Protein backbone atom coordinates (compact mmCIF):
# COMPACT_ATOMS: atom_id res chain seq x y z
CA MET A 1 19.23 -54.41 29.95
CA PHE A 2 19.93 -53.45 33.66
CA MET A 3 23.81 -52.78 32.74
CA TYR A 4 22.70 -50.83 29.88
CA PHE A 5 20.18 -48.69 32.35
CA LEU A 6 22.70 -48.62 35.27
CA ILE A 7 25.79 -47.11 32.64
CA ALA A 8 22.65 -44.12 31.17
CA SER A 9 22.24 -43.10 34.57
CA LEU A 10 25.30 -42.72 35.68
CA LEU A 11 26.72 -40.93 32.98
CA SER A 12 23.75 -39.05 33.50
CA VAL A 13 24.52 -37.80 37.13
CA ILE A 14 28.50 -36.91 36.20
CA LEU A 15 26.84 -34.51 33.11
CA ALA A 16 24.59 -32.67 35.56
CA ALA A 17 27.40 -32.48 37.99
CA VAL A 18 29.75 -31.51 35.18
CA SER A 19 27.57 -28.92 33.50
CA PHE A 20 26.40 -27.13 37.44
CA TRP A 21 30.38 -27.70 38.13
CA LEU A 22 31.98 -26.00 35.29
CA PRO A 23 30.56 -22.53 35.07
CA LEU A 24 31.03 -21.59 38.68
CA ILE A 25 34.91 -21.93 37.83
CA ALA A 26 35.04 -19.02 35.82
CA PRO A 27 32.11 -16.78 35.22
CA ASP A 28 32.51 -14.33 32.27
CA THR A 29 30.49 -10.95 32.95
CA GLU A 30 31.35 -10.52 28.93
CA LYS A 31 29.57 -13.59 27.78
CA LEU A 32 26.63 -12.23 30.30
CA SER A 33 26.03 -9.03 28.43
CA PRO A 34 23.95 -8.35 25.70
CA TYR A 35 25.31 -8.28 22.18
CA GLU A 36 23.27 -6.07 19.73
CA CYS A 37 25.30 -6.11 16.29
CA GLY A 38 28.71 -4.77 17.88
CA PHE A 39 27.35 -2.06 20.07
CA ASP A 40 26.96 -1.26 23.50
CA PRO A 41 23.03 -2.03 24.43
CA LEU A 42 20.73 0.76 24.08
CA GLY A 43 18.37 -0.43 26.77
CA SER A 44 18.05 -3.68 28.79
CA ALA A 45 17.88 -6.62 27.38
CA ARG A 46 15.23 -8.06 30.01
CA LEU A 47 12.16 -6.80 28.86
CA PRO A 48 9.00 -8.34 30.06
CA TYR A 49 6.78 -9.87 27.41
CA SER A 50 3.04 -10.73 27.55
CA MET A 51 2.52 -13.64 28.77
CA ARG A 52 -0.17 -14.02 25.65
CA PHE A 53 2.93 -14.39 23.54
CA PHE A 54 3.56 -17.42 25.72
CA LEU A 55 0.06 -19.07 25.20
CA VAL A 56 0.15 -18.60 21.87
CA ALA A 57 3.58 -19.84 21.11
CA ILE A 58 2.16 -23.69 23.18
CA LEU A 59 -0.85 -23.43 22.03
CA PHE A 60 0.72 -23.50 18.36
CA LEU A 61 2.88 -26.26 19.31
CA LEU A 62 -0.16 -28.13 21.02
CA PHE A 63 -1.89 -28.14 18.06
CA ASP A 64 1.48 -28.64 15.49
CA LEU A 65 2.33 -31.86 17.54
CA GLU A 66 -1.41 -32.60 17.11
CA ILE A 67 -1.60 -32.45 13.24
CA ALA A 68 1.75 -34.19 13.12
CA LEU A 69 0.18 -37.31 14.71
CA LEU A 70 -1.98 -37.00 12.03
CA LEU A 71 0.36 -37.79 9.13
CA PRO A 72 0.61 -40.80 9.15
CA THR A 73 -2.96 -41.56 8.62
CA PRO A 74 -2.84 -41.49 4.65
CA TRP A 75 -0.34 -44.66 4.63
CA ALA A 76 -2.48 -46.28 7.32
CA LEU A 77 -5.52 -46.19 5.27
CA GLN A 78 -3.17 -48.88 3.10
CA LEU A 79 -3.56 -51.37 5.70
CA PRO A 80 -5.69 -54.16 5.02
CA ASP A 81 -7.97 -53.55 7.78
CA PRO A 82 -8.04 -49.55 8.21
CA SER A 83 -10.39 -49.09 10.80
CA MET A 84 -8.70 -48.87 13.41
CA ALA A 85 -6.24 -46.27 11.98
CA VAL A 86 -9.83 -44.40 10.90
CA ILE A 87 -10.61 -44.73 14.97
CA TRP A 88 -7.63 -43.52 16.35
CA ALA A 89 -7.37 -40.53 13.62
CA SER A 90 -10.70 -39.66 14.97
CA VAL A 91 -10.00 -39.61 18.61
CA VAL A 92 -7.16 -36.86 17.38
CA ILE A 93 -9.24 -35.27 15.71
CA ILE A 94 -11.80 -34.88 18.21
CA LEU A 95 -9.47 -34.13 21.17
CA LEU A 96 -8.25 -31.73 18.88
CA ILE A 97 -11.54 -29.72 18.73
CA TYR A 98 -12.44 -30.20 22.57
CA GLY A 99 -8.92 -28.28 23.49
CA PHE A 100 -9.86 -26.16 20.56
CA ALA A 101 -13.32 -25.74 22.13
CA TYR A 102 -11.93 -25.55 25.45
CA GLU A 103 -9.55 -22.24 24.86
CA TRP A 104 -12.13 -20.29 23.22
CA ILE A 105 -14.63 -20.82 25.79
CA GLN A 106 -11.83 -19.86 28.55
CA GLY A 107 -10.80 -16.68 26.87
CA GLY A 108 -7.26 -17.53 26.04
CA LEU A 109 -7.91 -16.97 22.29
CA GLU A 110 -8.40 -13.07 22.54
CA TRP A 111 -6.11 -11.04 22.32
CA ALA A 112 -7.86 -8.00 24.03
CA GLU A 113 -9.72 -7.87 26.98
């Protein structure tokens, strides 16, 4: 087990060092320019976005992940003693409701102010 951890750590360090070293060899300005269907870019490709978009995206990922945790619940209910599955599913749902209520109270779901 220690040998596996040592090899995995060494390989991770080597790959991280190579990934930082390779771009320094020959940076290509053509690859760094924006590409718009073969045409020269009409404006800046680095336009600022509202932080609300990122907030909604992160909230969606968070709540979607919590819902994905509930997917095995119907199969867990077929166990001889499904009480623990029901308890854990209830805990996940309560946490989901608590997080949603917190975001609602904090105003994170209001688009316009």
